[in-house]
Amino acid sequence: MTISTNKPLIDAAFGKTPTRYPVWFLRQAGRYLPEYREIRADLGFVDLCKNPKLAAEVTLQPLRRFDLDGAIIFSDILIPPTAMGQSLSFAKNHGPILEPTVRGREDLVRLRHPDVSRELSFVGEAIAQTKKDLSEKKAMIGFAGAPYTVASYMIEGTGTKSYTEIKRLMFGNTDCFDSLLQLLGGVTAEYLTMQVQYGAEIVMLFDSWAGDLAPQDYRNRVVPVMKALIQQFKKNNPDIPVIYYPGQGSDNLAELGGVGMDVVHVDWRTSITRASQILKEAGCDVTLQGNIDPQVFLGDEAFVRGRVRNIVEEAKHCELKGHIFNVGHGLMPHTPIEALSWAVDELRQLGN
């Protein structure tokens, strides 16, 4: 399979010179858009994820407003566990809830390795539907949660600030914890491959909770699973670039040598300069993605445009293999729409 070179996002991911500065935003489809809120008014979140036609519509909404270089399929990192034996719900004013939780070996053995091509095909169908209306210069982005972060939700049952149950299992029943991550690694590789079969041209793995780990736990528990996952995925999809977000903080970046991703996503808590230094010392020849603080968009036009220029100038000064402009983490529900327009316009004025 040959990847088209007229897609700036793909070219930057592989270290080629793009025709213009590539930009997209994590959570670019969502609650800050009135057209999204209109669709959600009478439809549950999980129901929306499982409706290919509407998921494609939501995926395309931000590209109608902004001149972005990629469309990331509208879904959720917790969709795969719904095919493994857990139910997913979203209570009012509450985050995701996964049931029953995985707290020991007896819970683990009840989980299934699903046939993702059949049981999660609605995600692939949404990708195919999106591609029908996507410009040939825009990249179709697939994604999944990385095993550690997905396992964290499966164990805790919901979001957490203490990570108590995750670490109780990780430190008290290491074999069970590792087995869960290995199961998720295989499922995730297959899930991403299915997305590629339906039209995804680049994929991203989110490990948002891994930033809470001590370096030795990230090194021993997470890195081996990530290496195996990306190796399995790349074996079947060698021409599809992989973006990996290893969580906040810089210590995890030092452990990424040999993991195999093409792009590392960096949040605003670590500068592009520092991230570049750490990754180069780790032997990673990768493109960087990021890393404007999403709250910057609360500033006035001059401030937003200035921050965009600062990040671009810093990236050029670091002589990176490539750089993809993005927020350090997802856009907020209160993000002003006009601020994103300023940011994208500033990038377009800067060229490539």
Protein backbone atom coordinates (compact mmCIF):
# COMPACT_ATOMS: atom_id res chain seq x y z
CA MET A 1 0.00 0.00 0.00
CA THR A 2 1.41 3.39 -0.99
CA ILE A 3 0.50 6.41 1.09
CA SER A 4 -0.37 9.50 -0.92
CA THR A 5 2.18 12.28 -0.49
CA ASN A 6 -0.39 15.05 -0.94
CA LYS A 7 -1.53 14.74 2.69
CA PRO A 8 0.48 17.10 4.94
CA LEU A 9 -0.31 15.13 8.09
CA ILE A 10 0.98 11.85 6.67
CA ASP A 11 4.07 13.46 5.17
CA ALA A 12 5.00 15.12 8.47
CA ALA A 13 4.48 11.85 10.35
CA PHE A 14 7.04 10.16 8.12
CA GLY A 15 9.48 13.07 8.21
CA LYS A 16 8.79 14.29 4.68
CA THR A 17 8.38 17.99 3.95
CA PRO A 18 4.64 18.73 3.86
CA THR A 19 3.07 21.19 1.45
CA ARG A 20 1.85 23.21 4.44
CA TYR A 21 2.02 23.15 8.23
CA PRO A 22 -0.15 20.21 9.36
CA VAL A 23 -2.70 20.84 12.11
CA TRP A 24 -5.54 19.00 13.79
CA PHE A 25 -6.87 18.98 17.35
CA LEU A 26 -7.52 16.27 19.90
CA ARG A 27 -11.28 16.21 20.61
CA GLN A 28 -11.82 18.52 17.64
CA ALA A 29 -15.35 17.09 17.34
CA GLY A 30 -17.39 17.63 20.46
CA ARG A 31 -19.20 19.77 22.96
CA TYR A 32 -17.77 23.16 21.98
CA LEU A 33 -19.60 22.92 18.62
CA PRO A 34 -23.31 23.85 18.60
CA GLU A 35 -23.96 21.45 15.72
CA TYR A 36 -22.58 18.60 17.84
CA ARG A 37 -24.75 19.58 20.81
CA GLU A 38 -27.77 19.60 18.53
CA ILE A 39 -27.15 15.98 17.53
CA ARG A 40 -26.51 14.96 21.14
CA ALA A 41 -29.68 16.61 22.43
CA ASP A 42 -31.75 13.45 22.07
CA LEU A 43 -29.02 10.82 21.65
CA GLY A 44 -26.82 9.08 24.21
CA PHE A 45 -23.05 9.17 23.78
CA VAL A 46 -22.63 5.41 23.29
CA ASP A 47 -25.57 5.36 20.87
CA LEU A 48 -23.85 8.08 18.85
CA CYS A 49 -20.60 6.10 18.76
CA LYS A 50 -22.49 3.07 17.45
CA ASN A 51 -24.32 5.00 14.72
CA PRO A 52 -21.95 5.10 11.70
CA LYS A 53 -23.89 7.76 9.82
CA LEU A 54 -24.07 10.18 12.75
CA ALA A 55 -20.54 9.39 13.96
CA ALA A 56 -19.29 10.30 10.48
CA GLU A 57 -21.32 13.50 10.52
CA VAL A 58 -19.83 14.52 13.88
CA THR A 59 -16.33 13.62 12.63
CA LEU A 60 -16.73 15.95 9.65
CA GLN A 61 -18.27 18.90 11.53
CA PRO A 62 -15.00 20.58 12.59
CA LEU A 63 -13.54 20.26 9.08
CA ARG A 64 -16.42 22.31 7.73
CA ARG A 65 -15.47 25.13 10.11
CA PHE A 66 -11.67 24.90 10.08
CA ASP A 67 -9.05 24.12 7.42
CA LEU A 68 -7.64 21.12 9.28
CA ASP A 69 -5.42 18.37 7.87
CA GLY A 70 -7.02 15.37 9.51
CA ALA A 71 -10.39 13.97 10.58
CA ILE A 72 -10.24 11.75 13.67
CA ILE A 73 -13.11 9.31 13.82
CA PHE A 74 -15.66 10.10 16.51
CA SER A 75 -15.61 7.27 19.05
CA ASP A 76 -14.30 6.55 22.54
CA ILE A 77 -11.30 4.69 23.90
CA LEU A 78 -13.65 2.51 25.98
CA ILE A 79 -15.53 1.01 23.05
CA PRO A 80 -13.33 -2.16 22.84
CA PRO A 81 -14.18 -3.30 26.41
CA THR A 82 -17.85 -3.35 25.40
CA ALA A 83 -16.99 -6.28 23.13
CA MET A 84 -14.92 -7.96 25.82
CA GLY A 85 -17.61 -8.41 28.46
CA GLN A 86 -18.11 -5.01 30.09
CA SER A 87 -20.94 -2.52 29.70
CA LEU A 88 -20.27 1.17 29.12
CA SER A 89 -22.56 3.95 30.28
CA PHE A 90 -22.37 7.68 30.91
CA ALA A 91 -24.43 8.97 33.82
CA LYS A 92 -25.52 12.60 33.86
CA ASN A 93 -22.74 14.87 35.16
CA HIS A 94 -20.52 11.81 35.44
CA GLY A 95 -17.76 10.33 33.33
CA PRO A 96 -17.72 6.83 31.81
CA ILE A 97 -18.74 3.82 33.88
CA LEU A 98 -17.51 0.32 32.99
CA GLU A 99 -19.09 -2.71 34.66
CA PRO A 100 -18.30 -5.23 36.02
CA THR A 101 -14.84 -4.13 37.14
CA VAL A 102 -11.72 -6.27 36.80
CA ARG A 103 -10.21 -6.68 40.26
CA GLY A 104 -8.69 -10.19 40.11
CA ARG A 105 -8.10 -13.36 38.15
CA GLU A 106 -11.74 -14.47 38.38
CA ASP A 107 -12.79 -11.22 36.67
CA LEU A 108 -10.07 -11.49 34.05
CA VAL A 109 -11.08 -14.98 32.89
CA ARG A 110 -14.61 -13.71 32.21
CA LEU A 111 -13.29 -11.29 29.59
CA ARG A 112 -13.34 -12.33 25.93
CA HIS A 113 -10.95 -11.71 23.06
CA PRO A 114 -13.61 -10.46 20.66
CA ASP A 115 -13.87 -10.70 16.91
CA VAL A 116 -13.30 -6.97 16.45
CA SER A 117 -13.99 -7.03 12.71
CA ARG A 118 -17.51 -8.23 13.46
CA GLU A 119 -18.32 -6.86 16.88
CA LEU A 120 -16.80 -3.40 16.46
CA SER A 121 -17.44 -2.99 12.74
CA PHE A 122 -19.61 0.08 13.40
CA VAL A 123 -16.39 2.04 14.01
CA GLY A 124 -15.00 0.90 10.67
CA GLU A 125 -18.28 1.71 8.94
CA ALA A 126 -18.14 5.23 10.39
CA ILE A 127 -14.63 5.62 8.98
CA ALA A 128 -15.76 4.44 5.53
CA GLN A 129 -18.73 6.82 5.69
CA THR A 130 -16.44 9.72 6.65
CA LYS A 131 -14.02 8.99 3.82
CA LYS A 132 -16.79 9.47 1.26
CA ASP A 133 -16.97 13.18 2.09
CA LEU A 134 -13.34 13.77 3.07
CA SER A 135 -11.02 15.75 0.81
CA GLU A 136 -8.20 13.67 -0.68
CA LYS A 137 -5.72 16.03 1.00
CA LYS A 138 -7.11 15.35 4.46
CA ALA A 139 -5.93 12.32 6.43
CA MET A 140 -8.36 9.88 8.03
CA ILE A 141 -7.24 9.28 11.62
CA GLY A 142 -8.14 6.15 13.54
CA PHE A 143 -7.44 5.72 17.25
CA ALA A 144 -7.56 3.54 20.31
CA GLY A 145 -6.76 3.78 23.97
CA ALA A 146 -3.39 2.28 24.86
CA PRO A 147 -3.62 -0.90 26.99
CA TYR A 148 -2.59 0.66 30.30
CA THR A 149 -5.08 3.50 30.13
CA VAL A 150 -7.95 1.27 28.99
CA ALA A 151 -7.06 -1.29 31.66
CA SER A 152 -7.16 1.49 34.24
CA TYR A 153 -10.78 2.25 33.43
CA MET A 154 -11.62 -1.47 33.34
CA ILE A 155 -10.15 -1.91 36.81
CA GLU A 156 -11.39 1.28 38.47
CA GLY A 157 -14.74 1.18 36.70
CA THR A 158 -14.62 4.95 36.13
CA GLY A 159 -12.24 7.89 36.24
CA THR A 160 -10.00 8.29 39.27
CA LYS A 161 -7.65 10.73 40.96
CA SER A 162 -6.11 8.20 43.33
CA TYR A 163 -5.47 5.22 41.00
CA THR A 164 -5.90 2.98 44.04
CA GLU A 165 -7.49 -0.09 42.45
CA ILE A 166 -5.19 0.05 39.42
CA LYS A 167 -2.11 0.00 41.61
CA ARG A 168 -3.61 -2.50 44.02
CA LEU A 169 -3.81 -4.96 41.12
CA MET A 170 -0.54 -3.90 39.50
CA PHE A 171 1.47 -4.19 42.71
CA GLY A 172 -0.51 -6.93 44.46
CA ASN A 173 -1.27 -9.27 41.54
CA THR A 174 1.30 -8.49 38.87
CA ASP A 175 0.62 -11.60 36.80
CA CYS A 176 -3.08 -10.77 36.53
CA PHE A 177 -2.33 -7.15 35.68
CA ASP A 178 0.19 -8.10 32.99
CA SER A 179 -2.22 -10.64 31.53
CA LEU A 180 -4.90 -7.95 31.22
CA LEU A 181 -2.48 -5.61 29.43
CA GLN A 182 -1.38 -8.38 27.08
CA LEU A 183 -4.99 -9.22 26.25
CA LEU A 184 -5.69 -5.57 25.53
CA GLY A 185 -2.53 -5.27 23.45
CA GLY A 186 -3.69 -7.99 21.08
CA VAL A 187 -7.25 -6.67 20.89
CA THR A 188 -6.01 -3.13 20.27
CA ALA A 189 -3.69 -4.14 17.43
CA GLU A 190 -6.58 -5.94 15.73
CA TYR A 191 -8.92 -3.02 16.38
CA LEU A 192 -6.56 -0.55 14.73
CA THR A 193 -5.98 -2.90 11.80
CA MET A 194 -9.74 -3.11 11.29
CA GLN A 195 -9.87 0.68 11.18
CA VAL A 196 -7.17 0.72 8.52
CA GLN A 197 -9.11 -1.82 6.46
CA TYR A 198 -12.03 0.61 6.42
CA GLY A 199 -9.87 3.58 5.43
CA ALA A 200 -7.82 4.95 8.34
CA GLU A 201 -4.48 6.30 7.08
CA ILE A 202 -2.83 7.14 10.40
CA VAL A 203 -3.64 5.93 13.92
CA MET A 204 -3.15 7.29 17.41
CA LEU A 205 -2.78 5.50 20.73
CA PHE A 206 -3.78 7.42 23.86
CA ASP A 207 -2.04 6.57 27.14
CA SER A 208 -3.38 9.52 29.08
CA TRP A 209 -3.15 7.86 32.51
CA ALA A 210 0.39 6.54 32.12
CA GLY A 211 1.79 9.84 33.33
CA ASP A 212 0.84 8.84 36.89
CA LEU A 213 3.27 5.91 36.88
CA ALA A 214 6.74 5.87 38.37
CA PRO A 215 9.37 5.52 35.61
CA GLN A 216 10.26 1.95 36.63
CA ASP A 217 6.61 0.86 36.52
CA TYR A 218 6.10 2.48 33.13
CA ARG A 219 9.31 0.80 31.91
CA ASN A 220 8.46 -2.65 33.26
CA ARG A 221 4.70 -2.83 32.87
CA VAL A 222 3.78 -0.59 29.93
CA VAL A 223 6.71 -0.42 27.52
CA PRO A 224 6.86 -4.17 26.70
CA VAL A 225 3.15 -4.22 25.87
CA MET A 226 3.42 -1.10 23.72
CA LYS A 227 6.37 -2.55 21.80
CA ALA A 228 4.48 -5.77 21.13
CA LEU A 229 1.29 -3.93 20.14
CA ILE A 230 2.99 -1.60 17.66
CA GLN A 231 5.10 -4.44 16.26
CA GLN A 232 1.97 -6.53 15.68
CA PHE A 233 0.18 -3.60 14.06
CA LYS A 234 3.14 -2.62 11.87
CA LYS A 235 3.58 -6.19 10.67
CA ASN A 236 0.19 -5.95 8.99
CA ASN A 237 0.23 -2.21 8.27
CA PRO A 238 3.83 -1.12 7.58
CA ASP A 239 2.82 2.04 5.72
CA ILE A 240 0.48 3.40 8.39
CA PRO A 241 2.11 5.86 10.81
CA VAL A 242 1.46 5.45 14.53
CA ILE A 243 1.13 8.38 16.94
CA TYR A 244 1.60 7.65 20.63
CA TYR A 245 0.76 9.87 23.58
CA PRO A 246 2.61 8.50 26.64
CA GLY A 247 0.87 10.72 29.18
CA GLN A 248 1.94 13.95 30.79
CA GLY A 249 5.45 14.61 32.05
CA SER A 250 8.85 13.97 30.54
CA ASP A 251 10.12 10.82 32.31
CA ASN A 252 8.10 8.45 30.12
CA LEU A 253 9.66 9.97 27.01
CA ALA A 254 13.05 8.63 28.07
CA GLU A 255 11.68 5.07 27.97
CA LEU A 256 10.41 5.15 24.37
CA GLY A 257 13.55 3.95 22.59
CA GLY A 258 12.66 1.00 20.38
CA VAL A 259 8.90 1.21 21.02
CA GLY A 260 8.33 1.75 17.32
CA MET A 261 5.92 4.68 17.01
CA ASP A 262 6.43 7.24 14.24
CA VAL A 263 5.08 10.26 16.12
CA VAL A 264 5.17 11.15 19.81
CA HIS A 265 2.48 13.47 21.12
CA VAL A 266 3.70 15.93 23.77
CA ASP A 267 1.48 17.93 26.10
CA TRP A 268 2.16 21.51 27.25
CA ARG A 269 3.79 20.46 30.52
CA THR A 270 6.93 19.51 28.60
CA SER A 271 8.42 21.92 26.09
CA ILE A 272 9.08 20.80 22.54
CA THR A 273 12.75 21.60 23.12
CA ARG A 274 13.00 19.36 26.18
CA ALA A 275 10.92 16.58 24.62
CA SER A 276 13.13 16.62 21.54
CA GLN A 277 16.28 16.36 23.65
CA ILE A 278 14.96 13.45 25.72
CA LEU A 279 13.71 11.52 22.71
CA LYS A 280 16.94 11.98 20.78
CA GLU A 281 18.93 10.78 23.81
CA ALA A 282 16.61 7.74 23.92
CA GLY A 283 17.41 6.98 20.28
CA CYS A 284 13.96 7.94 18.96
CA ASP A 285 13.93 9.37 15.45
CA VAL A 286 10.33 10.58 15.50
CA THR A 287 8.07 13.44 14.53
CA LEU A 288 6.60 15.44 17.42
CA GLN A 289 2.95 16.39 17.75
CA GLY A 290 1.60 19.10 20.02
CA ASN A 291 1.67 21.03 22.24
CA ILE A 292 -0.32 24.20 22.80
CA ASP A 293 -2.21 24.40 26.11
CA PRO A 294 -5.91 24.19 25.15
CA GLN A 295 -6.68 26.94 27.66
CA VAL A 296 -4.57 29.32 25.54
CA PHE A 297 -7.64 29.61 23.34
CA LEU A 298 -9.30 31.61 26.12
CA GLY A 299 -6.93 34.49 25.33
CA ASP A 300 -7.52 37.30 22.87
CA GLU A 301 -6.60 37.06 19.18
CA ALA A 302 -3.12 38.53 19.51
CA PHE A 303 -2.29 36.21 22.39
CA VAL A 304 -3.50 33.08 20.57
CA ARG A 305 -1.67 33.95 17.37
CA GLY A 306 1.49 34.71 19.33
CA ARG A 307 1.44 31.35 21.10
CA VAL A 308 0.95 29.56 17.77
CA ARG A 309 4.00 31.33 16.35
CA ASN A 310 6.01 30.52 19.47
CA ILE A 311 5.40 26.80 19.11
CA VAL A 312 6.20 26.79 15.40
CA GLU A 313 9.40 28.75 15.96
CA GLU A 314 10.47 26.43 18.75
CA ALA A 315 9.79 23.36 16.63
CA LYS A 316 11.85 24.78 13.76
CA HIS A 317 14.69 25.70 16.10
CA CYS A 318 14.80 22.09 17.36
CA GLU A 319 15.23 20.80 13.79
CA LEU A 320 12.72 18.04 14.37
CA LYS A 321 12.17 15.18 11.97
CA GLY A 322 8.71 16.67 11.62
CA HIS A 323 6.12 18.59 13.60
CA ILE A 324 2.32 18.38 13.66
CA PHE A 325 0.57 21.26 15.38
CA ASN A 326 -1.99 20.18 17.97
CA VAL A 327 -3.22 20.86 21.47
CA GLY A 328 -1.30 19.21 24.28
CA HIS A 329 -4.50 17.43 25.28
CA GLY A 330 -8.14 17.59 24.19
CA LEU A 331 -10.10 20.72 23.40
CA MET A 332 -12.32 21.86 26.25
CA PRO A 333 -16.13 22.21 26.02
CA HIS A 334 -15.71 25.95 26.65
CA THR A 335 -13.22 26.44 23.78
CA PRO A 336 -14.16 29.59 21.80
CA ILE A 337 -14.73 28.64 18.18
CA GLU A 338 -13.18 31.85 16.85
CA ALA A 339 -9.94 31.12 18.71
CA LEU A 340 -9.43 27.92 16.73
CA SER A 341 -10.01 29.90 13.55
CA TRP A 342 -7.27 32.34 14.59
CA ALA A 343 -4.85 29.50 15.29
CA VAL A 344 -5.46 27.73 11.99
CA ASP A 345 -5.27 31.00 10.05
CA GLU A 346 -1.95 31.84 11.70
CA LEU A 347 -0.54 28.47 10.67
CA ARG A 348 -1.73 28.97 7.10
CA GLN A 349 0.03 32.33 6.97
CA LEU A 350 3.24 30.69 8.17
CA GLY A 351 3.24 28.20 5.28
CA ASN A 352 5.19 24.99 5.89
